[in-house]
Amino acid sequence: MSNNYQELLEMWREEKKKRQELELINESHKKLNRKLQTELTETKEDNKKLSQQISDLEKSRRPF
């Protein structure tokens, strides 16, 4: 019985360690995803501004 308990205890420790490692990876991914979302939002805003600039230029170059 003691041997079985030791095996279970070791399995539990290994699973706990794996879970902690996965939690660290998860936190890292969350941080990266926040950064990527910020970059995406900035890129979309820049694209809108550039599109407006192009539209304004096209309007200004059209003959009346």
PDB file of N, CA and C in Angstrom:
ATOM      1  N   MET A   1       0.818  -1.191   0.000  1.00  0.00           N
ATOM      2  CA  MET A   1       0.000   0.000   0.000  1.00  0.00           C
ATOM      3  C   MET A   1       0.861   1.253   0.000  1.00  0.00           C
ATOM      4  N   SER A   2       1.925   1.258   0.707  1.00  0.00           N
ATOM      5  CA  SER A   2       2.819   2.399   0.759  1.00  0.00           C
ATOM      6  C   SER A   2       3.419   2.688  -0.618  1.00  0.00           C
ATOM      7  N   ASN A   3       3.740   1.634  -1.333  1.00  0.00           N
ATOM      8  CA  ASN A   3       4.294   1.790  -2.674  1.00  0.00           C
ATOM      9  C   ASN A   3       3.281   2.455  -3.607  1.00  0.00           C
ATOM     10  N   ASN A   4       2.048   2.018  -3.530  1.00  0.00           N
ATOM     11  CA  ASN A   4       0.987   2.597  -4.334  1.00  0.00           C
ATOM     12  C   ASN A   4       0.791   4.073  -3.985  1.00  0.00           C
ATOM     13  N   TYR A   5       0.817   4.378  -2.727  1.00  0.00           N
ATOM     14  CA  TYR A   5       0.694   5.768  -2.276  1.00  0.00           C
ATOM     15  C   TYR A   5       1.835   6.614  -2.817  1.00  0.00           C
ATOM     16  N   GLN A   6       3.039   6.099  -2.782  1.00  0.00           N
ATOM     17  CA  GLN A   6       4.204   6.824  -3.282  1.00  0.00           C
ATOM     18  C   GLN A   6       4.088   7.079  -4.787  1.00  0.00           C
ATOM     19  N   GLU A   7       3.603   6.084  -5.495  1.00  0.00           N
ATOM     20  CA  GLU A   7       3.402   6.246  -6.947  1.00  0.00           C
ATOM     21  C   GLU A   7       2.372   7.332  -7.230  1.00  0.00           C
ATOM     22  N   LEU A   8       1.278   7.276  -6.508  1.00  0.00           N
ATOM     23  CA  LEU A   8       0.241   8.299  -6.692  1.00  0.00           C
ATOM     24  C   LEU A   8       0.741   9.689  -6.331  1.00  0.00           C
ATOM     25  N   LEU A   9       1.482   9.747  -5.268  1.00  0.00           N
ATOM     26  CA  LEU A   9       2.041  11.025  -4.842  1.00  0.00           C
ATOM     27  C   LEU A   9       2.999  11.576  -5.901  1.00  0.00           C
ATOM     28  N   GLU A  10       3.815  10.723  -6.454  1.00  0.00           N
ATOM     29  CA  GLU A  10       4.753  11.145  -7.506  1.00  0.00           C
ATOM     30  C   GLU A  10       3.997  11.592  -8.758  1.00  0.00           C
ATOM     31  N   MET A  11       2.962  10.868  -9.115  1.00  0.00           N
ATOM     32  CA  MET A  11       2.148  11.259 -10.273  1.00  0.00           C
ATOM     33  C   MET A  11       1.510  12.622 -10.042  1.00  0.00           C
ATOM     34  N   TRP A  12       1.005  12.824  -8.832  1.00  0.00           N
ATOM     35  CA  TRP A  12       0.387  14.103  -8.499  1.00  0.00           C
ATOM     36  C   TRP A  12       1.402  15.236  -8.610  1.00  0.00           C
ATOM     37  N   ARG A  13       2.603  15.016  -8.114  1.00  0.00           N
ATOM     38  CA  ARG A  13       3.656  16.032  -8.192  1.00  0.00           C
ATOM     39  C   ARG A  13       4.016  16.351  -9.635  1.00  0.00           C
ATOM     40  N   GLU A  14       4.108  15.317 -10.449  1.00  0.00           N
ATOM     41  CA  GLU A  14       4.426  15.533 -11.867  1.00  0.00           C
ATOM     42  C   GLU A  14       3.330  16.326 -12.559  1.00  0.00           C
ATOM     43  N   GLU A  15       2.090  15.977 -12.273  1.00  0.00           N
ATOM     44  CA  GLU A  15       0.967  16.704 -12.878  1.00  0.00           C
ATOM     45  C   GLU A  15       0.922  18.154 -12.404  1.00  0.00           C
ATOM     46  N   LYS A  16       1.223  18.353 -11.145  1.00  0.00           N
ATOM     47  CA  LYS A  16       1.262  19.716 -10.611  1.00  0.00           C
ATOM     48  C   LYS A  16       2.338  20.527 -11.318  1.00  0.00           C
ATOM     49  N   LYS A  17       3.490  19.932 -11.520  1.00  0.00           N
ATOM     50  CA  LYS A  17       4.580  20.616 -12.211  1.00  0.00           C
ATOM     51  C   LYS A  17       4.194  20.937 -13.653  1.00  0.00           C
ATOM     52  N   LYS A  18       3.573  19.995 -14.332  1.00  0.00           N
ATOM     53  CA  LYS A  18       3.122  20.232 -15.715  1.00  0.00           C
ATOM     54  C   LYS A  18       2.114  21.368 -15.769  1.00  0.00           C
ATOM     55  N   ARG A  19       1.183  21.353 -14.811  1.00  0.00           N
ATOM     56  CA  ARG A  19       0.166  22.414 -14.779  1.00  0.00           C
ATOM     57  C   ARG A  19       0.802  23.779 -14.580  1.00  0.00           C
ATOM     58  N   GLN A  20       1.778  23.854 -13.693  1.00  0.00           N
ATOM     59  CA  GLN A  20       2.460  25.127 -13.457  1.00  0.00           C
ATOM     60  C   GLN A  20       3.188  25.598 -14.723  1.00  0.00           C
ATOM     61  N   GLU A  21       3.809  24.667 -15.416  1.00  0.00           N
ATOM     62  CA  GLU A  21       4.493  25.023 -16.665  1.00  0.00           C
ATOM     63  C   GLU A  21       3.486  25.529 -17.702  1.00  0.00           C
ATOM     64  N   LEU A  22       2.356  24.852 -17.787  1.00  0.00           N
ATOM     65  CA  LEU A  22       1.331  25.272 -18.741  1.00  0.00           C
ATOM     66  C   LEU A  22       0.734  26.625 -18.367  1.00  0.00           C
ATOM     67  N   GLU A  23       0.607  26.897 -17.092  1.00  0.00           N
ATOM     68  CA  GLU A  23       0.106  28.203 -16.659  1.00  0.00           C
ATOM     69  C   GLU A  23       1.081  29.317 -17.046  1.00  0.00           C
ATOM     70  N   LEU A  24       2.361  29.037 -16.948  1.00  0.00           N
ATOM     71  CA  LEU A  24       3.360  30.024 -17.372  1.00  0.00           C
ATOM     72  C   LEU A  24       3.270  30.278 -18.879  1.00  0.00           C
ATOM     73  N   ILE A  25       3.124  29.209 -19.624  1.00  0.00           N
ATOM     74  CA  ILE A  25       2.980  29.348 -21.080  1.00  0.00           C
ATOM     75  C   ILE A  25       1.721  30.134 -21.401  1.00  0.00           C
ATOM     76  N   ASN A  26       0.643  29.833 -20.704  1.00  0.00           N
ATOM     77  CA  ASN A  26      -0.611  30.536 -20.924  1.00  0.00           C
ATOM     78  C   ASN A  26      -0.469  32.031 -20.654  1.00  0.00           C
ATOM     79  N   GLU A  27       0.178  32.378 -19.571  1.00  0.00           N
ATOM     80  CA  GLU A  27       0.389  33.798 -19.255  1.00  0.00           C
ATOM     81  C   GLU A  27       1.239  34.474 -20.328  1.00  0.00           C
ATOM     82  N   SER A  28       2.241  33.780 -20.784  1.00  0.00           N
ATOM     83  CA  SER A  28       3.086  34.319 -21.844  1.00  0.00           C
ATOM     84  C   SER A  28       2.272  34.552 -23.116  1.00  0.00           C
ATOM     85  N   HIS A  29       1.409  33.616 -23.439  1.00  0.00           N
ATOM     86  CA  HIS A  29       0.566  33.753 -24.631  1.00  0.00           C
ATOM     87  C   HIS A  29      -0.434  34.896 -24.478  1.00  0.00           C
ATOM     88  N   LYS A  30      -0.956  35.056 -23.285  1.00  0.00           N
ATOM     89  CA  LYS A  30      -1.883  36.170 -23.047  1.00  0.00           C
ATOM     90  C   LYS A  30      -1.183  37.504 -23.287  1.00  0.00           C
ATOM     91  N   LYS A  31       0.014  37.618 -22.771  1.00  0.00           N
ATOM     92  CA  LYS A  31       0.777  38.860 -22.931  1.00  0.00           C
ATOM     93  C   LYS A  31       1.066  39.121 -24.416  1.00  0.00           C
ATOM     94  N   LEU A  32       1.473  38.078 -25.114  1.00  0.00           N
ATOM     95  CA  LEU A  32       1.755  38.211 -26.539  1.00  0.00           C
ATOM     96  C   LEU A  32       0.492  38.577 -27.309  1.00  0.00           C
ATOM     97  N   ASN A  33      -0.615  37.958 -26.975  1.00  0.00           N
ATOM     98  CA  ASN A  33      -1.868  38.264 -27.658  1.00  0.00           C
ATOM     99  C   ASN A  33      -2.307  39.709 -27.423  1.00  0.00           C
ATOM    100  N   ARG A  34      -2.104  40.218 -26.208  1.00  0.00           N
ATOM    101  CA  ARG A  34      -2.435  41.631 -25.952  1.00  0.00           C
ATOM    102  C   ARG A  34      -1.579  42.545 -26.826  1.00  0.00           C
ATOM    103  N   LYS A  35      -0.301  42.219 -26.927  1.00  0.00           N
ATOM    104  CA  LYS A  35       0.599  43.024 -27.746  1.00  0.00           C
ATOM    105  C   LYS A  35       0.183  42.971 -29.217  1.00  0.00           C
ATOM    106  N   LEU A  36      -0.125  41.776 -29.691  1.00  0.00           N
ATOM    107  CA  LEU A  36      -0.539  41.637 -31.083  1.00  0.00           C
ATOM    108  C   LEU A  36      -1.849  42.365 -31.362  1.00  0.00           C
ATOM    109  N   GLN A  37      -2.767  42.315 -30.413  1.00  0.00           N
ATOM    110  CA  GLN A  37      -4.033  43.022 -30.587  1.00  0.00           C
ATOM    111  C   GLN A  37      -3.804  44.527 -30.659  1.00  0.00           C
ATOM    112  N   THR A  38      -2.909  45.038 -29.848  1.00  0.00           N
ATOM    113  CA  THR A  38      -2.575  46.462 -29.883  1.00  0.00           C
ATOM    114  C   THR A  38      -1.978  46.830 -31.236  1.00  0.00           C
ATOM    115  N   GLU A  39      -1.068  46.009 -31.709  1.00  0.00           N
ATOM    116  CA  GLU A  39      -0.453  46.278 -33.013  1.00  0.00           C
ATOM    117  C   GLU A  39      -1.482  46.224 -34.131  1.00  0.00           C
ATOM    118  N   LEU A  40      -2.391  45.273 -34.049  1.00  0.00           N
ATOM    119  CA  LEU A  40      -3.434  45.162 -35.067  1.00  0.00           C
ATOM    120  C   LEU A  40      -4.329  46.396 -35.076  1.00  0.00           C
ATOM    121  N   THR A  41      -4.719  46.834 -33.905  1.00  0.00           N
ATOM    122  CA  THR A  41      -5.564  48.025 -33.792  1.00  0.00           C
ATOM    123  C   THR A  41      -4.846  49.244 -34.372  1.00  0.00           C
ATOM    124  N   GLU A  42      -3.572  49.409 -34.038  1.00  0.00           N
ATOM    125  CA  GLU A  42      -2.798  50.526 -34.575  1.00  0.00           C
ATOM    126  C   GLU A  42      -2.676  50.447 -36.091  1.00  0.00           C
ATOM    127  N   THR A  43      -2.475  49.251 -36.596  1.00  0.00           N
ATOM    128  CA  THR A  43      -2.350  49.071 -38.045  1.00  0.00           C
ATOM    129  C   THR A  43      -3.658  49.411 -38.748  1.00  0.00           C
ATOM    130  N   LYS A  44      -4.773  49.001 -38.171  1.00  0.00           N
ATOM    131  CA  LYS A  44      -6.070  49.329 -38.762  1.00  0.00           C
ATOM    132  C   LYS A  44      -6.294  50.839 -38.784  1.00  0.00           C
ATOM    133  N   GLU A  45      -5.935  51.499 -37.698  1.00  0.00           N
ATOM    134  CA  GLU A  45      -6.087  52.955 -37.642  1.00  0.00           C
ATOM    135  C   GLU A  45      -5.196  53.633 -38.679  1.00  0.00           C
ATOM    136  N   ASP A  46      -3.966  53.167 -38.800  1.00  0.00           N
ATOM    137  CA  ASP A  46      -3.052  53.720 -39.800  1.00  0.00           C
ATOM    138  C   ASP A  46      -3.591  53.509 -41.209  1.00  0.00           C
ATOM    139  N   ASN A  47      -4.151  52.350 -41.463  1.00  0.00           N
ATOM    140  CA  ASN A  47      -4.707  52.073 -42.791  1.00  0.00           C
ATOM    141  C   ASN A  47      -5.874  52.996 -43.115  1.00  0.00           C
ATOM    142  N   LYS A  48      -6.716  53.254 -42.115  1.00  0.00           N
ATOM    143  CA  LYS A  48      -7.829  54.184 -42.335  1.00  0.00           C
ATOM    144  C   LYS A  48      -7.305  55.578 -42.676  1.00  0.00           C
ATOM    145  N   LYS A  49      -6.302  56.023 -41.946  1.00  0.00           N
ATOM    146  CA  LYS A  49      -5.729  57.347 -42.197  1.00  0.00           C
ATOM    147  C   LYS A  49      -5.109  57.422 -43.584  1.00  0.00           C
ATOM    148  N   LEU A  50      -4.376  56.391 -43.946  1.00  0.00           N
ATOM    149  CA  LEU A  50      -3.750  56.375 -45.269  1.00  0.00           C
ATOM    150  C   LEU A  50      -4.802  56.342 -46.376  1.00  0.00           C
ATOM    151  N   SER A  51      -5.835  55.583 -46.157  1.00  0.00           N
ATOM    152  CA  SER A  51      -6.914  55.518 -47.142  1.00  0.00           C
ATOM    153  C   SER A  51      -7.556  56.894 -47.320  1.00  0.00           C
ATOM    154  N   GLN A  52      -7.762  57.582 -46.231  1.00  0.00           N
ATOM    155  CA  GLN A  52      -8.337  58.929 -46.302  1.00  0.00           C
ATOM    156  C   GLN A  52      -7.397  59.884 -47.018  1.00  0.00           C
ATOM    157  N   GLN A  53      -6.121  59.778 -46.744  1.00  0.00           N
ATOM    158  CA  GLN A  53      -5.136  60.633 -47.422  1.00  0.00           C
ATOM    159  C   GLN A  53      -5.152  60.387 -48.930  1.00  0.00           C
ATOM    160  N   ILE A  54      -5.228  59.138 -49.318  1.00  0.00           N
ATOM    161  CA  ILE A  54      -5.265  58.802 -50.743  1.00  0.00           C
ATOM    162  C   ILE A  54      -6.530  59.364 -51.369  1.00  0.00           C
ATOM    163  N   SER A  55      -7.631  59.194 -50.680  1.00  0.00           N
ATOM    164  CA  SER A  55      -8.898  59.715 -51.187  1.00  0.00           C
ATOM    165  C   SER A  55      -8.838  61.238 -51.334  1.00  0.00           C
ATOM    166  N   ASP A  56      -8.286  61.902 -50.345  1.00  0.00           N
ATOM    167  CA  ASP A  56      -8.156  63.355 -50.404  1.00  0.00           C
ATOM    168  C   ASP A  56      -7.263  63.786 -51.570  1.00  0.00           C
ATOM    169  N   LEU A  57      -6.173  63.068 -51.774  1.00  0.00           N
ATOM    170  CA  LEU A  57      -5.276  63.387 -52.889  1.00  0.00           C
ATOM    171  C   LEU A  57      -5.965  63.199 -54.226  1.00  0.00           C
ATOM    172  N   GLU A  58      -6.690  62.110 -54.344  1.00  0.00           N
ATOM    173  CA  GLU A  58      -7.412  61.852 -55.600  1.00  0.00           C
ATOM    174  C   GLU A  58      -8.434  62.946 -55.875  1.00  0.00           C
ATOM    175  N   LYS A  59      -9.138  63.389 -54.842  1.00  0.00           N
ATOM    176  CA  LYS A  59     -10.127  64.462 -55.020  1.00  0.00           C
ATOM    177  C   LYS A  59      -9.458  65.771 -55.424  1.00  0.00           C
ATOM    178  N   SER A  60      -8.322  66.044 -54.832  1.00  0.00           N
ATOM    179  CA  SER A  60      -7.650  67.308 -55.123  1.00  0.00           C
ATOM    180  C   SER A  60      -7.046  67.328 -56.539  1.00  0.00           C
ATOM    181  N   ARG A  61      -6.801  66.197 -57.117  1.00  0.00           N
ATOM    182  CA  ARG A  61      -6.187  66.126 -58.451  1.00  0.00           C
ATOM    183  C   ARG A  61      -7.214  66.030 -59.568  1.00  0.00           C
ATOM    184  N   ARG A  62      -8.456  65.858 -59.223  1.00  0.00           N
ATOM    185  CA  ARG A  62      -9.480  65.776 -60.259  1.00  0.00           C
ATOM    186  C   ARG A  62      -9.757  67.175 -60.825  1.00  0.00           C
ATOM    187  N   PRO A  63      -9.873  67.230 -62.122  1.00  0.00           N
ATOM    188  CA  PRO A  63     -10.248  68.536 -62.709  1.00  0.00           C
ATOM    189  C   PRO A  63     -11.721  68.833 -62.442  1.00  0.00           C
ATOM    190  N   PHE A  64     -12.022  70.085 -62.326  1.00  0.00           N
ATOM    191  CA  PHE A  64     -13.412  70.470 -62.057  1.00  0.00           C
ATOM    192  C   PHE A  64     -14.242  70.410 -63.276  1.00  0.00           C
TER     193      PHE A  64
END
